Amino acid sequence: MALATTKWDVTDYLDSDERIALFLEAVFEDGDPGLITAALGDVARAMGMTKMARKTGLTRESLYRALSAEGKPEFTTVLKVLKAFGLRLTPVPLDAA
């Protein structure tokens, strides 16, 4: 008997500001730069890449490229994307976590 599977896409579950914030918090806590970049791309896709391009002033193509798992976005791009999400990067002491 063959096992039936379905495609799972995280963007289907990033449907509220709270879920997006929790998702990104977990990814940033992991600390893997590639994972963080891919997660930013997932959130951007969930929110609509065209909308994100308008909000950041970047092209859709450059966002797709920068926010892919292999992407290496400039820090300015990361800050623009976070701002477009309605978030900001805030340092927290390690011992406070």
PDB file of N, CA and C in Angstrom:
ATOM      1  N   MET A   1       0.844  -1.175   0.000  1.00  0.00           N
ATOM      2  CA  MET A   1       0.000   0.000   0.000  1.00  0.00           C
ATOM      3  C   MET A   1       0.892   1.241   0.000  1.00  0.00           C
ATOM      4  N   ALA A   2       0.631   2.138  -0.942  1.00  0.00           N
ATOM      5  CA  ALA A   2       1.413   3.364  -1.069  1.00  0.00           C
ATOM      6  C   ALA A   2       0.948   4.399  -0.044  1.00  0.00           C
ATOM      7  N   LEU A   3       1.896   5.112   0.476  1.00  0.00           N
ATOM      8  CA  LEU A   3       1.602   6.169   1.436  1.00  0.00           C
ATOM      9  C   LEU A   3       1.217   7.432   0.677  1.00  0.00           C
ATOM     10  N   ALA A   4       0.057   7.991   0.979  1.00  0.00           N
ATOM     11  CA  ALA A   4      -0.391   9.220   0.327  1.00  0.00           C
ATOM     12  C   ALA A   4       0.138  10.424   1.101  1.00  0.00           C
ATOM     13  N   THR A   5       0.728  11.351   0.392  1.00  0.00           N
ATOM     14  CA  THR A   5       1.242  12.564   1.026  1.00  0.00           C
ATOM     15  C   THR A   5       0.676  13.779   0.305  1.00  0.00           C
ATOM     16  N   THR A   6       0.729  14.893   0.978  1.00  0.00           N
ATOM     17  CA  THR A   6       0.312  16.148   0.360  1.00  0.00           C
ATOM     18  C   THR A   6       1.448  17.151   0.515  1.00  0.00           C
ATOM     19  N   LYS A   7       1.487  18.111  -0.397  1.00  0.00           N
ATOM     20  CA  LYS A   7       2.519  19.143  -0.341  1.00  0.00           C
ATOM     21  C   LYS A   7       2.235  20.063   0.843  1.00  0.00           C
ATOM     22  N   TRP A   8       3.277  20.363   1.618  1.00  0.00           N
ATOM     23  CA  TRP A   8       3.147  21.271   2.760  1.00  0.00           C
ATOM     24  C   TRP A   8       3.938  22.518   2.458  1.00  0.00           C
ATOM     25  N   ASP A   9       3.307  23.663   2.652  1.00  0.00           N
ATOM     26  CA  ASP A   9       3.966  24.941   2.402  1.00  0.00           C
ATOM     27  C   ASP A   9       3.703  25.851   3.595  1.00  0.00           C
ATOM     28  N   VAL A  10       4.760  26.307   4.236  1.00  0.00           N
ATOM     29  CA  VAL A  10       4.639  27.142   5.431  1.00  0.00           C
ATOM     30  C   VAL A  10       3.826  28.403   5.157  1.00  0.00           C
ATOM     31  N   THR A  11       3.854  28.898   3.926  1.00  0.00           N
ATOM     32  CA  THR A  11       3.138  30.139   3.618  1.00  0.00           C
ATOM     33  C   THR A  11       1.627  29.990   3.805  1.00  0.00           C
ATOM     34  N   ASP A  12       1.127  28.762   3.761  1.00  0.00           N
ATOM     35  CA  ASP A  12      -0.300  28.527   3.999  1.00  0.00           C
ATOM     36  C   ASP A  12      -0.687  28.828   5.444  1.00  0.00           C
ATOM     37  N   TYR A  13       0.293  28.857   6.333  1.00  0.00           N
ATOM     38  CA  TYR A  13       0.029  29.028   7.766  1.00  0.00           C
ATOM     39  C   TYR A  13       0.464  30.392   8.300  1.00  0.00           C
ATOM     40  N   LEU A  14       1.087  31.187   7.463  1.00  0.00           N
ATOM     41  CA  LEU A  14       1.535  32.523   7.878  1.00  0.00           C
ATOM     42  C   LEU A  14       0.440  33.528   7.542  1.00  0.00           C
ATOM     43  N   ASP A  15      -0.686  33.385   8.228  1.00  0.00           N
ATOM     44  CA  ASP A  15      -1.875  34.154   7.882  1.00  0.00           C
ATOM     45  C   ASP A  15      -2.266  35.206   8.920  1.00  0.00           C
ATOM     46  N   SER A  16      -1.387  35.450   9.883  1.00  0.00           N
ATOM     47  CA  SER A  16      -1.657  36.512  10.858  1.00  0.00           C
ATOM     48  C   SER A  16      -0.323  37.112  11.314  1.00  0.00           C
ATOM     49  N   ASP A  17      -0.403  38.346  11.798  1.00  0.00           N
ATOM     50  CA  ASP A  17       0.813  39.003  12.293  1.00  0.00           C
ATOM     51  C   ASP A  17       1.447  38.203  13.424  1.00  0.00           C
ATOM     52  N   GLU A  18       0.622  37.616  14.280  1.00  0.00           N
ATOM     53  CA  GLU A  18       1.142  36.836  15.402  1.00  0.00           C
ATOM     54  C   GLU A  18       1.891  35.599  14.919  1.00  0.00           C
ATOM     55  N   ARG A  19       1.322  34.872  13.965  1.00  0.00           N
ATOM     56  CA  ARG A  19       1.997  33.671  13.447  1.00  0.00           C
ATOM     57  C   ARG A  19       3.307  34.029  12.755  1.00  0.00           C
ATOM     58  N   ILE A  20       3.282  35.119  12.004  1.00  0.00           N
ATOM     59  CA  ILE A  20       4.495  35.561  11.316  1.00  0.00           C
ATOM     60  C   ILE A  20       5.575  35.916  12.334  1.00  0.00           C
ATOM     61  N   ALA A  21       5.218  36.656  13.365  1.00  0.00           N
ATOM     62  CA  ALA A  21       6.193  37.052  14.387  1.00  0.00           C
ATOM     63  C   ALA A  21       6.748  35.828  15.120  1.00  0.00           C
ATOM     64  N   LEU A  22       5.892  34.879  15.456  1.00  0.00           N
ATOM     65  CA  LEU A  22       6.354  33.665  16.149  1.00  0.00           C
ATOM     66  C   LEU A  22       7.268  32.835  15.260  1.00  0.00           C
ATOM     67  N   PHE A  23       6.914  32.722  14.001  1.00  0.00           N
ATOM     68  CA  PHE A  23       7.729  31.985  13.034  1.00  0.00           C
ATOM     69  C   PHE A  23       9.116  32.611  12.922  1.00  0.00           C
ATOM     70  N   LEU A  24       9.155  33.928  12.723  1.00  0.00           N
ATOM     71  CA  LEU A  24      10.449  34.598  12.584  1.00  0.00           C
ATOM     72  C   LEU A  24      11.244  34.566  13.887  1.00  0.00           C
ATOM     73  N   GLU A  25      10.573  34.674  15.012  1.00  0.00           N
ATOM     74  CA  GLU A  25      11.265  34.591  16.304  1.00  0.00           C
ATOM     75  C   GLU A  25      11.971  33.247  16.448  1.00  0.00           C
ATOM     76  N   ALA A  26      11.290  32.172  16.088  1.00  0.00           N
ATOM     77  CA  ALA A  26      11.891  30.835  16.184  1.00  0.00           C
ATOM     78  C   ALA A  26      13.075  30.694  15.231  1.00  0.00           C
ATOM     79  N   VAL A  27      12.935  31.224  14.031  1.00  0.00           N
ATOM     80  CA  VAL A  27      14.009  31.116  13.045  1.00  0.00           C
ATOM     81  C   VAL A  27      15.222  31.941  13.472  1.00  0.00           C
ATOM     82  N   PHE A  28      14.982  33.160  13.958  1.00  0.00           N
ATOM     83  CA  PHE A  28      16.108  33.991  14.416  1.00  0.00           C
ATOM     84  C   PHE A  28      16.788  33.355  15.622  1.00  0.00           C
ATOM     85  N   GLU A  29      16.018  32.693  16.470  1.00  0.00           N
ATOM     86  CA  GLU A  29      16.599  32.029  17.643  1.00  0.00           C
ATOM     87  C   GLU A  29      17.538  30.914  17.216  1.00  0.00           C
ATOM     88  N   ASP A  30      17.212  30.228  16.126  1.00  0.00           N
ATOM     89  CA  ASP A  30      18.078  29.167  15.603  1.00  0.00           C
ATOM     90  C   ASP A  30      19.417  29.741  15.171  1.00  0.00           C
ATOM     91  N   GLY A  31      19.388  30.937  14.535  1.00  0.00           N
ATOM     92  CA  GLY A  31      20.620  31.629  14.199  1.00  0.00           C
ATOM     93  C   GLY A  31      21.270  31.271  12.880  1.00  0.00           C
ATOM     94  N   ASP A  32      20.696  30.359  12.116  1.00  0.00           N
ATOM     95  CA  ASP A  32      21.268  29.962  10.830  1.00  0.00           C
ATOM     96  C   ASP A  32      20.936  31.023   9.777  1.00  0.00           C
ATOM     97  N   PRO A  33      21.956  31.727   9.236  1.00  0.00           N
ATOM     98  CA  PRO A  33      21.693  32.802   8.273  1.00  0.00           C
ATOM     99  C   PRO A  33      20.903  32.347   7.045  1.00  0.00           C
ATOM    100  N   GLY A  34      21.192  31.166   6.529  1.00  0.00           N
ATOM    101  CA  GLY A  34      20.460  30.657   5.372  1.00  0.00           C
ATOM    102  C   GLY A  34      19.000  30.409   5.687  1.00  0.00           C
ATOM    103  N   LEU A  35      18.748  29.891   6.871  1.00  0.00           N
ATOM    104  CA  LEU A  35      17.378  29.630   7.312  1.00  0.00           C
ATOM    105  C   LEU A  35      16.624  30.941   7.527  1.00  0.00           C
ATOM    106  N   ILE A  36      17.299  31.929   8.095  1.00  0.00           N
ATOM    107  CA  ILE A  36      16.683  33.240   8.312  1.00  0.00           C
ATOM    108  C   ILE A  36      16.312  33.867   6.969  1.00  0.00           C
ATOM    109  N   THR A  37      17.229  33.823   6.018  1.00  0.00           N
ATOM    110  CA  THR A  37      16.968  34.382   4.693  1.00  0.00           C
ATOM    111  C   THR A  37      15.783  33.690   4.036  1.00  0.00           C
ATOM    112  N   ALA A  38      15.756  32.354   4.085  1.00  0.00           N
ATOM    113  CA  ALA A  38      14.653  31.599   3.487  1.00  0.00           C
ATOM    114  C   ALA A  38      13.330  31.909   4.186  1.00  0.00           C
ATOM    115  N   ALA A  39      13.362  32.066   5.506  1.00  0.00           N
ATOM    116  CA  ALA A  39      12.142  32.377   6.260  1.00  0.00           C
ATOM    117  C   ALA A  39      11.614  33.762   5.909  1.00  0.00           C
ATOM    118  N   LEU A  40      12.508  34.724   5.737  1.00  0.00           N
ATOM    119  CA  LEU A  40      12.080  36.058   5.295  1.00  0.00           C
ATOM    120  C   LEU A  40      11.410  35.960   3.926  1.00  0.00           C
ATOM    121  N   GLY A  41      11.962  35.115   3.066  1.00  0.00           N
ATOM    122  CA  GLY A  41      11.355  34.881   1.753  1.00  0.00           C
ATOM    123  C   GLY A  41       9.993  34.225   1.862  1.00  0.00           C
ATOM    124  N   ASP A  42       9.853  33.275   2.784  1.00  0.00           N
ATOM    125  CA  ASP A  42       8.554  32.615   3.004  1.00  0.00           C
ATOM    126  C   ASP A  42       7.500  33.622   3.435  1.00  0.00           C
ATOM    127  N   VAL A  43       7.854  34.488   4.369  1.00  0.00           N
ATOM    128  CA  VAL A  43       6.913  35.498   4.854  1.00  0.00           C
ATOM    129  C   VAL A  43       6.575  36.477   3.735  1.00  0.00           C
ATOM    130  N   ALA A  44       7.562  36.882   2.959  1.00  0.00           N
ATOM    131  CA  ALA A  44       7.319  37.802   1.844  1.00  0.00           C
ATOM    132  C   ALA A  44       6.368  37.169   0.832  1.00  0.00           C
ATOM    133  N   ARG A  45       6.551  35.876   0.534  1.00  0.00           N
ATOM    134  CA  ARG A  45       5.643  35.192  -0.388  1.00  0.00           C
ATOM    135  C   ARG A  45       4.246  35.113   0.204  1.00  0.00           C
ATOM    136  N   ALA A  46       4.150  34.843   1.501  1.00  0.00           N
ATOM    137  CA  ALA A  46       2.836  34.750   2.153  1.00  0.00           C
ATOM    138  C   ALA A  46       2.100  36.088   2.108  1.00  0.00           C
ATOM    139  N   MET A  47       2.848  37.172   2.218  1.00  0.00           N
ATOM    140  CA  MET A  47       2.235  38.501   2.227  1.00  0.00           C
ATOM    141  C   MET A  47       2.024  39.052   0.812  1.00  0.00           C
ATOM    142  N   GLY A  48       2.668  38.432  -0.156  1.00  0.00           N
ATOM    143  CA  GLY A  48       2.562  38.877  -1.542  1.00  0.00           C
ATOM    144  C   GLY A  48       3.819  39.592  -1.977  1.00  0.00           C
ATOM    145  N   MET A  49       4.554  38.982  -2.877  1.00  0.00           N
ATOM    146  CA  MET A  49       5.848  39.530  -3.288  1.00  0.00           C
ATOM    147  C   MET A  49       5.694  40.877  -3.991  1.00  0.00           C
ATOM    148  N   THR A  50       4.624  41.058  -4.742  1.00  0.00           N
ATOM    149  CA  THR A  50       4.406  42.346  -5.411  1.00  0.00           C
ATOM    150  C   THR A  50       4.200  43.444  -4.380  1.00  0.00           C
ATOM    151  N   LYS A  51       3.415  43.148  -3.354  1.00  0.00           N
ATOM    152  CA  LYS A  51       3.178  44.108  -2.271  1.00  0.00           C
ATOM    153  C   LYS A  51       4.494  44.425  -1.555  1.00  0.00           C
ATOM    154  N   MET A  52       5.297  43.400  -1.303  1.00  0.00           N
ATOM    155  CA  MET A  52       6.584  43.605  -0.627  1.00  0.00           C
ATOM    156  C   MET A  52       7.525  44.445  -1.492  1.00  0.00           C
ATOM    157  N   ALA A  53       7.501  44.213  -2.798  1.00  0.00           N
ATOM    158  CA  ALA A  53       8.354  44.997  -3.694  1.00  0.00           C
ATOM    159  C   ALA A  53       7.967  46.473  -3.618  1.00  0.00           C
ATOM    160  N   ARG A  54       6.671  46.742  -3.636  1.00  0.00           N
ATOM    161  CA  ARG A  54       6.209  48.136  -3.535  1.00  0.00           C
ATOM    162  C   ARG A  54       6.632  48.757  -2.212  1.00  0.00           C
ATOM    163  N   LYS A  55       6.455  48.026  -1.108  1.00  0.00           N
ATOM    164  CA  LYS A  55       6.764  48.570   0.216  1.00  0.00           C
ATOM    165  C   LYS A  55       8.258  48.782   0.442  1.00  0.00           C
ATOM    166  N   THR A  56       9.086  47.932  -0.157  1.00  0.00           N
ATOM    167  CA  THR A  56      10.535  48.031   0.058  1.00  0.00           C
ATOM    168  C   THR A  56      11.237  48.903  -0.965  1.00  0.00           C
ATOM    169  N   GLY A  57      10.586  49.134  -2.104  1.00  0.00           N
ATOM    170  CA  GLY A  57      11.233  49.882  -3.179  1.00  0.00           C
ATOM    171  C   GLY A  57      12.186  49.024  -3.986  1.00  0.00           C
ATOM    172  N   LEU A  58      12.128  47.714  -3.798  1.00  0.00           N
ATOM    173  CA  LEU A  58      12.975  46.784  -4.551  1.00  0.00           C
ATOM    174  C   LEU A  58      12.117  46.073  -5.597  1.00  0.00           C
ATOM    175  N   THR A  59      12.748  45.454  -6.576  1.00  0.00           N
ATOM    176  CA  THR A  59      11.983  44.719  -7.576  1.00  0.00           C
ATOM    177  C   THR A  59      11.615  43.342  -7.036  1.00  0.00           C
ATOM    178  N   ARG A  60      10.542  42.780  -7.577  1.00  0.00           N
ATOM    179  CA  ARG A  60      10.150  41.423  -7.180  1.00  0.00           C
ATOM    180  C   ARG A  60      11.287  40.443  -7.430  1.00  0.00           C
ATOM    181  N   GLU A  61      11.924  40.582  -8.591  1.00  0.00           N
ATOM    182  CA  GLU A  61      13.006  39.666  -8.961  1.00  0.00           C
ATOM    183  C   GLU A  61      14.156  39.728  -7.968  1.00  0.00           C
ATOM    184  N   SER A  62      14.520  40.953  -7.558  1.00  0.00           N
ATOM    185  CA  SER A  62      15.638  41.077  -6.605  1.00  0.00           C
ATOM    186  C   SER A  62      15.240  40.516  -5.242  1.00  0.00           C
ATOM    187  N   LEU A  63      13.974  40.669  -4.864  1.00  0.00           N
ATOM    188  CA  LEU A  63      13.518  40.093  -3.599  1.00  0.00           C
ATOM    189  C   LEU A  63      13.552  38.566  -3.656  1.00  0.00           C
ATOM    190  N   TYR A  64      13.026  37.992  -4.732  1.00  0.00           N
ATOM    191  CA  TYR A  64      13.065  36.531  -4.876  1.00  0.00           C
ATOM    192  C   TYR A  64      14.497  36.024  -4.789  1.00  0.00           C
ATOM    193  N   ARG A  65      15.405  36.704  -5.481  1.00  0.00           N
ATOM    194  CA  ARG A  65      16.811  36.289  -5.507  1.00  0.00           C
ATOM    195  C   ARG A  65      17.454  36.435  -4.123  1.00  0.00           C
ATOM    196  N   ALA A  66      17.261  37.593  -3.492  1.00  0.00           N
ATOM    197  CA  ALA A  66      17.898  37.868  -2.199  1.00  0.00           C
ATOM    198  C   ALA A  66      17.327  36.996  -1.089  1.00  0.00           C
ATOM    199  N   LEU A  67      16.022  36.679  -1.161  1.00  0.00           N
ATOM    200  CA  LEU A  67      15.373  35.964  -0.069  1.00  0.00           C
ATOM    201  C   LEU A  67      15.191  34.478  -0.346  1.00  0.00           C
ATOM    202  N   SER A  68      15.963  33.956  -1.258  1.00  0.00           N
ATOM    203  CA  SER A  68      15.951  32.510  -1.491  1.00  0.00           C
ATOM    204  C   SER A  68      16.874  31.850  -0.471  1.00  0.00           C
ATOM    205  N   ALA A  69      16.810  30.542  -0.376  1.00  0.00           N
ATOM    206  CA  ALA A  69      17.663  29.813   0.569  1.00  0.00           C
ATOM    207  C   ALA A  69      19.146  30.043   0.267  1.00  0.00           C
ATOM    208  N   GLU A  70      19.470  30.296  -0.997  1.00  0.00           N
ATOM    209  CA  GLU A  70      20.865  30.533  -1.390  1.00  0.00           C
ATOM    210  C   GLU A  70      21.210  32.014  -1.409  1.00  0.00           C
ATOM    211  N   GLY A  71      20.234  32.868  -1.166  1.00  0.00           N
ATOM    212  CA  GLY A  71      20.437  34.311  -1.245  1.00  0.00           C
ATOM    213  C   GLY A  71      21.348  34.838  -0.144  1.00  0.00           C
ATOM    214  N   LYS A  72      21.979  35.920  -0.447  1.00  0.00           N
ATOM    215  CA  LYS A  72      22.849  36.612   0.511  1.00  0.00           C
ATOM    216  C   LYS A  72      22.438  38.087   0.509  1.00  0.00           C
ATOM    217  N   PRO A  73      21.285  38.401   1.128  1.00  0.00           N
ATOM    218  CA  PRO A  73      20.804  39.781   1.061  1.00  0.00           C
ATOM    219  C   PRO A  73      21.707  40.732   1.839  1.00  0.00           C
ATOM    220  N   GLU A  74      21.776  41.948   1.340  1.00  0.00           N
ATOM    221  CA  GLU A  74      22.487  42.985   2.074  1.00  0.00           C
ATOM    222  C   GLU A  74      21.687  43.300   3.329  1.00  0.00           C
ATOM    223  N   PHE A  75      22.358  43.808   4.338  1.00  0.00           N
ATOM    224  CA  PHE A  75      21.689  44.121   5.600  1.00  0.00           C
ATOM    225  C   PHE A  75      20.583  45.157   5.390  1.00  0.00           C
ATOM    226  N   THR A  76      20.812  46.085   4.477  1.00  0.00           N
ATOM    227  CA  THR A  76      19.805  47.100   4.161  1.00  0.00           C
ATOM    228  C   THR A  76      18.531  46.445   3.643  1.00  0.00           C
ATOM    229  N   THR A  77      18.685  45.413   2.826  1.00  0.00           N
ATOM    230  CA  THR A  77      17.522  44.693   2.294  1.00  0.00           C
ATOM    231  C   THR A  77      16.760  44.021   3.417  1.00  0.00           C
ATOM    232  N   VAL A  78      17.475  43.387   4.331  1.00  0.00           N
ATOM    233  CA  VAL A  78      16.829  42.725   5.472  1.00  0.00           C
ATOM    234  C   VAL A  78      16.029  43.745   6.286  1.00  0.00           C
ATOM    235  N   LEU A  79      16.622  44.902   6.552  1.00  0.00           N
ATOM    236  CA  LEU A  79      15.918  45.937   7.320  1.00  0.00           C
ATOM    237  C   LEU A  79      14.683  46.445   6.577  1.00  0.00           C
ATOM    238  N   LYS A  80      14.785  46.634   5.267  1.00  0.00           N
ATOM    239  CA  LYS A  80      13.633  47.078   4.471  1.00  0.00           C
ATOM    240  C   LYS A  80      12.516  46.038   4.505  1.00  0.00           C
ATOM    241  N   VAL A  81      12.889  44.774   4.389  1.00  0.00           N
ATOM    242  CA  VAL A  81      11.897  43.695   4.394  1.00  0.00           C
ATOM    243  C   VAL A  81      11.216  43.614   5.758  1.00  0.00           C
ATOM    244  N   LEU A  82      11.982  43.667   6.832  1.00  0.00           N
ATOM    245  CA  LEU A  82      11.391  43.630   8.167  1.00  0.00           C
ATOM    246  C   LEU A  82      10.438  44.808   8.376  1.00  0.00           C
ATOM    247  N   LYS A  83      10.836  45.981   7.909  1.00  0.00           N
ATOM    248  CA  LYS A  83       9.968  47.155   8.030  1.00  0.00           C
ATOM    249  C   LYS A  83       8.680  46.956   7.237  1.00  0.00           C
ATOM    250  N   ALA A  84       8.783  46.362   6.048  1.00  0.00           N
ATOM    251  CA  ALA A  84       7.601  46.084   5.232  1.00  0.00           C
ATOM    252  C   ALA A  84       6.671  45.085   5.928  1.00  0.00           C
ATOM    253  N   PHE A  85       7.239  44.202   6.752  1.00  0.00           N
ATOM    254  CA  PHE A  85       6.436  43.256   7.532  1.00  0.00           C
ATOM    255  C   PHE A  85       5.783  43.936   8.731  1.00  0.00           C
ATOM    256  N   GLY A  86       6.222  45.167   9.022  1.00  0.00           N
ATOM    257  CA  GLY A  86       5.729  45.856  10.213  1.00  0.00           C
ATOM    258  C   GLY A  86       6.500  45.452  11.460  1.00  0.00           C
ATOM    259  N   LEU A  87       7.754  45.009  11.257  1.00  0.00           N
ATOM    260  CA  LEU A  87       8.605  44.555  12.363  1.00  0.00           C
ATOM    261  C   LEU A  87       9.901  45.360  12.369  1.00  0.00           C
ATOM    262  N   ARG A  88      10.617  45.288  13.481  1.00  0.00           N
ATOM    263  CA  ARG A  88      11.943  45.889  13.560  1.00  0.00           C
ATOM    264  C   ARG A  88      12.867  44.902  14.262  1.00  0.00           C
ATOM    265  N   LEU A  89      14.114  45.032  13.984  1.00  0.00           N
ATOM    266  CA  LEU A  89      15.145  44.196  14.591  1.00  0.00           C
ATOM    267  C   LEU A  89      15.532  44.832  15.910  1.00  0.00           C
ATOM    268  N   THR A  90      15.381  44.082  17.000  1.00  0.00           N
ATOM    269  CA  THR A  90      15.673  44.615  18.315  1.00  0.00           C
ATOM    270  C   THR A  90      16.642  43.692  19.047  1.00  0.00           C
ATOM    271  N   PRO A  91      17.792  44.203  19.458  1.00  0.00           N
ATOM    272  CA  PRO A  91      18.735  43.375  20.204  1.00  0.00           C
ATOM    273  C   PRO A  91      18.214  43.064  21.602  1.00  0.00           C
ATOM    274  N   VAL A  92      18.408  41.826  22.006  1.00  0.00           N
ATOM    275  CA  VAL A  92      18.018  41.375  23.339  1.00  0.00           C
ATOM    276  C   VAL A  92      19.226  40.640  23.924  1.00  0.00           C
ATOM    277  N   PRO A  93      19.593  40.942  25.170  1.00  0.00           N
ATOM    278  CA  PRO A  93      20.725  40.232  25.772  1.00  0.00           C
ATOM    279  C   PRO A  93      20.480  38.721  25.759  1.00  0.00           C
ATOM    280  N   LEU A  94      21.540  37.959  25.508  1.00  0.00           N
ATOM    281  CA  LEU A  94      21.413  36.498  25.446  1.00  0.00           C
ATOM    282  C   LEU A  94      20.878  35.914  26.755  1.00  0.00           C
ATOM    283  N   ASP A  95      21.300  36.453  27.881  1.00  0.00           N
ATOM    284  CA  ASP A  95      20.846  35.883  29.154  1.00  0.00           C
ATOM    285  C   ASP A  95      19.394  36.241  29.459  1.00  0.00           C
ATOM    286  N   ALA A  96      18.788  37.170  28.710  1.00  0.00           N
ATOM    287  CA  ALA A  96      17.385  37.529  28.911  1.00  0.00           C
ATOM    288  C   ALA A  96      16.467  36.506  28.252  1.00  0.00           C
ATOM    289  N   ALA A  97      17.012  35.754  27.294  1.00  0.00           N
ATOM    290  CA  ALA A  97      16.202  34.738  26.609  1.00  0.00           C
ATOM    291  C   ALA A  97      16.062  33.547  27.511  1.00  0.00           C
TER     292      ALA A  97
END
